[in-house]
Amino acid sequence: MSSDNQYTALGPAVIGFQTFGTEIDIGVDAGGNKVGVHATGPTAVHGEGDVVGVHGEGAVGVKGVGSATGGSFAAEDLSPQIVLQPQSVEAPSRLIDATPQEFVQPGGLPRFGQAGALYMGEYITAQGDPNDYQPGIHLCVLWICVNGGSHDQPALWRQVLLGDIVRGTTARL
């Protein structure tokens, strides 16, 4: 039941709480000690806007953890699905040719996938690493699904080949 410090919509109703008007700048302003807005449902939160559907700011702007996938992004009319905003870096003094390396017979790739899905794996270097890395260094490798497969055929993955490893030198730009 509603009280002086809580609003409860008991239904039945199509919409439990709604604001709409030409003179309302912020439809809902909610805050909490642990979570500002908590939602449940087949789609827990739906955002739709003329410029941005969902906007997140914080130490982590948007975080997704899912039982099937961490996130799904789509765009219309052959637009990019994801745009990473580049950070400003110093121009290189020169460029060199590099030969990327790829895993031979990788293990642990997902059996099921969807074309375009990215999978980031991590491994720990061992004694005798072919690249002469010290043992115990955590390195990652990126894969893209090129065919999602079917119930009786596994997904097909291709490794995203990268250039040589370069050590970071700047804490923040």
Protein backbone atom coordinates (compact mmCIF):
# COMPACT_ATOMS: atom_id res chain seq x y z
CA MET A 1 0.00 0.00 0.00
CA SER A 2 1.04 3.57 -0.58
CA SER A 3 2.19 5.61 2.41
CA ASP A 4 3.80 8.97 3.15
CA ASN A 5 7.23 7.59 2.14
CA GLN A 6 6.40 4.97 -0.54
CA TYR A 7 4.18 4.72 -3.59
CA THR A 8 2.84 1.27 -4.50
CA ALA A 9 0.77 0.57 -7.61
CA LEU A 10 -1.35 -2.53 -7.01
CA GLY A 11 -2.94 -2.86 -10.44
CA PRO A 12 -4.33 -4.32 -12.54
CA ALA A 13 -2.98 -1.59 -14.84
CA VAL A 14 -1.09 -1.37 -18.10
CA ILE A 15 1.31 1.21 -16.62
CA GLY A 16 2.00 1.41 -12.89
CA PHE A 17 3.53 4.91 -12.88
CA GLN A 18 3.63 7.44 -15.69
CA THR A 19 4.56 11.07 -16.22
CA PHE A 20 4.11 13.00 -19.42
CA GLY A 21 3.80 16.69 -20.08
CA THR A 22 5.33 19.52 -22.00
CA GLU A 23 6.50 21.29 -18.82
CA ILE A 24 8.30 18.32 -17.17
CA ASP A 25 12.09 18.42 -17.63
CA ILE A 26 12.89 15.18 -15.78
CA GLY A 27 10.16 12.53 -15.73
CA VAL A 28 11.54 10.60 -12.76
CA ASP A 29 14.39 11.48 -10.42
CA ALA A 30 15.12 8.51 -8.21
CA GLY A 31 17.95 7.84 -5.80
CA GLY A 32 18.87 5.20 -3.28
CA ASN A 33 21.71 4.20 -1.00
CA LYS A 34 22.53 1.14 -3.14
CA VAL A 35 20.49 1.40 -6.36
CA GLY A 36 18.77 4.39 -7.92
CA VAL A 37 16.31 2.40 -10.04
CA HIS A 38 15.57 -1.32 -9.75
CA ALA A 39 13.45 -3.00 -12.38
CA THR A 40 12.39 -6.56 -13.18
CA GLY A 41 10.62 -8.05 -16.16
CA PRO A 42 11.39 -9.67 -19.50
CA THR A 43 13.05 -6.35 -20.42
CA ALA A 44 13.95 -4.79 -17.08
CA VAL A 45 14.79 -1.32 -18.41
CA HIS A 46 13.76 0.12 -21.77
CA GLY A 47 15.10 3.44 -22.95
CA GLU A 48 14.00 5.29 -26.06
CA GLY A 49 15.05 8.76 -27.07
CA ASP A 50 15.47 10.97 -30.10
CA VAL A 51 19.23 11.31 -29.45
CA VAL A 52 20.24 8.62 -26.90
CA GLY A 53 18.23 5.61 -25.74
CA VAL A 54 20.19 4.89 -22.55
CA HIS A 55 22.92 7.05 -21.04
CA GLY A 56 25.17 5.95 -18.20
CA GLU A 57 27.85 7.87 -16.31
CA GLY A 58 30.07 6.75 -13.50
CA ALA A 59 33.30 4.89 -12.84
CA VAL A 60 31.79 2.35 -15.27
CA GLY A 61 29.29 4.04 -17.58
CA VAL A 62 27.35 0.92 -18.53
CA LYS A 63 27.94 -2.62 -17.31
CA GLY A 64 26.21 -5.74 -18.50
CA VAL A 65 26.45 -9.26 -17.13
CA GLY A 66 24.24 -11.87 -18.72
CA SER A 67 23.73 -15.61 -18.59
CA ALA A 68 23.82 -15.85 -22.42
CA THR A 69 25.87 -12.77 -23.42
CA GLY A 70 27.20 -9.66 -21.75
CA GLY A 71 25.59 -7.33 -24.26
CA SER A 72 23.94 -7.14 -27.65
CA PHE A 73 24.28 -4.15 -29.94
CA ALA A 74 22.57 -3.55 -33.28
CA ALA A 75 22.26 -0.61 -35.64
CA GLU A 76 20.09 0.15 -38.63
CA ASP A 77 21.09 0.95 -42.21
CA LEU A 78 24.62 -0.55 -42.10
CA SER A 79 25.67 1.79 -39.29
CA PRO A 80 28.40 0.55 -36.93
CA GLN A 81 27.05 -1.45 -34.00
CA ILE A 82 29.65 -0.05 -31.59
CA VAL A 83 31.65 3.17 -31.74
CA LEU A 84 34.61 3.43 -29.41
CA GLN A 85 35.45 7.08 -28.79
CA PRO A 86 39.21 7.38 -29.40
CA GLN A 87 41.51 8.85 -26.80
CA SER A 88 44.15 11.32 -27.94
CA VAL A 89 47.61 9.75 -28.23
CA GLU A 90 50.98 10.96 -29.44
CA ALA A 91 51.71 10.44 -33.13
CA PRO A 92 54.17 7.61 -33.74
CA SER A 93 57.72 8.60 -34.69
CA ARG A 94 57.73 5.85 -37.31
CA LEU A 95 55.88 2.72 -38.33
CA ILE A 96 57.36 -0.76 -38.65
CA ASP A 97 56.11 -3.91 -40.31
CA ALA A 98 54.80 -6.50 -37.88
CA THR A 99 53.78 -10.09 -38.40
CA PRO A 100 50.85 -11.06 -36.20
CA GLN A 101 50.82 -14.47 -34.55
CA GLU A 102 47.85 -16.72 -34.10
CA PHE A 103 47.01 -19.64 -31.86
CA VAL A 104 47.49 -23.13 -33.28
CA GLN A 105 44.59 -25.43 -32.30
CA PRO A 106 43.08 -23.13 -29.65
CA GLY A 107 41.00 -24.75 -26.96
CA GLY A 108 38.04 -23.44 -25.08
CA LEU A 109 36.18 -21.47 -27.74
CA PRO A 110 32.41 -21.39 -27.28
CA ARG A 111 30.55 -24.14 -29.15
CA PHE A 112 27.60 -21.82 -29.73
CA GLY A 113 27.86 -18.31 -31.09
CA GLN A 114 26.28 -15.75 -33.32
CA ALA A 115 27.98 -14.20 -36.34
CA GLY A 116 29.62 -10.98 -35.18
CA ALA A 117 29.94 -12.04 -31.54
CA LEU A 118 33.25 -11.19 -29.88
CA TYR A 119 34.93 -13.51 -27.40
CA MET A 120 37.87 -12.41 -25.28
CA GLY A 121 39.92 -15.21 -23.78
CA GLU A 122 42.71 -14.95 -21.24
CA TYR A 123 45.65 -17.24 -20.71
CA ILE A 124 48.65 -17.32 -18.40
CA THR A 125 52.11 -17.70 -19.87
CA ALA A 126 54.05 -20.80 -18.85
CA GLN A 127 57.72 -21.68 -18.56
CA GLY A 128 59.22 -21.87 -22.05
CA ASP A 129 56.69 -19.47 -23.62
CA PRO A 130 57.53 -19.17 -27.36
CA ASN A 131 57.54 -15.35 -27.07
CA ASP A 132 59.99 -15.40 -24.15
CA TYR A 133 57.48 -13.90 -21.73
CA GLN A 134 58.07 -14.57 -18.09
CA PRO A 135 55.87 -17.34 -16.63
CA GLY A 136 52.67 -16.18 -14.95
CA ILE A 137 51.84 -13.18 -17.15
CA HIS A 138 48.13 -12.83 -18.00
CA LEU A 139 47.54 -12.18 -21.71
CA CYS A 140 44.31 -12.02 -23.69
CA VAL A 141 43.27 -13.02 -27.18
CA LEU A 142 40.25 -11.78 -29.18
CA TRP A 143 38.04 -13.90 -31.45
CA ILE A 144 35.09 -13.03 -33.70
CA CYS A 145 32.36 -15.52 -34.60
CA VAL A 146 32.07 -15.79 -38.39
CA ASN A 147 29.31 -18.44 -38.39
CA GLY A 148 27.02 -19.23 -35.49
CA GLY A 149 26.75 -22.91 -36.34
CA SER A 150 23.66 -24.98 -35.61
CA HIS A 151 22.44 -27.55 -33.09
CA ASP A 152 24.73 -30.20 -34.64
CA GLN A 153 27.55 -27.97 -35.99
CA PRO A 154 29.75 -25.82 -33.75
CA ALA A 155 30.22 -22.10 -34.27
CA LEU A 156 33.16 -20.98 -36.40
CA TRP A 157 35.59 -18.45 -34.92
CA ARG A 158 38.47 -16.40 -36.34
CA GLN A 159 41.17 -14.87 -34.22
CA VAL A 160 41.54 -11.09 -34.50
CA LEU A 161 45.24 -10.76 -35.30
CA LEU A 162 47.04 -7.89 -33.67
CA GLY A 163 50.46 -6.33 -33.91
CA ASP A 164 53.31 -6.59 -31.45
CA ILE A 165 52.78 -5.98 -27.75
CA VAL A 166 53.67 -2.47 -26.60
CA ARG A 167 54.05 -1.58 -22.94
CA GLY A 168 51.98 1.27 -21.60
CA THR A 169 53.84 4.31 -20.28
CA THR A 170 51.19 6.88 -19.31
CA ALA A 171 48.82 6.65 -16.35
CA ARG A 172 46.29 9.10 -17.85
CA LEU A 173 46.36 11.52 -20.75
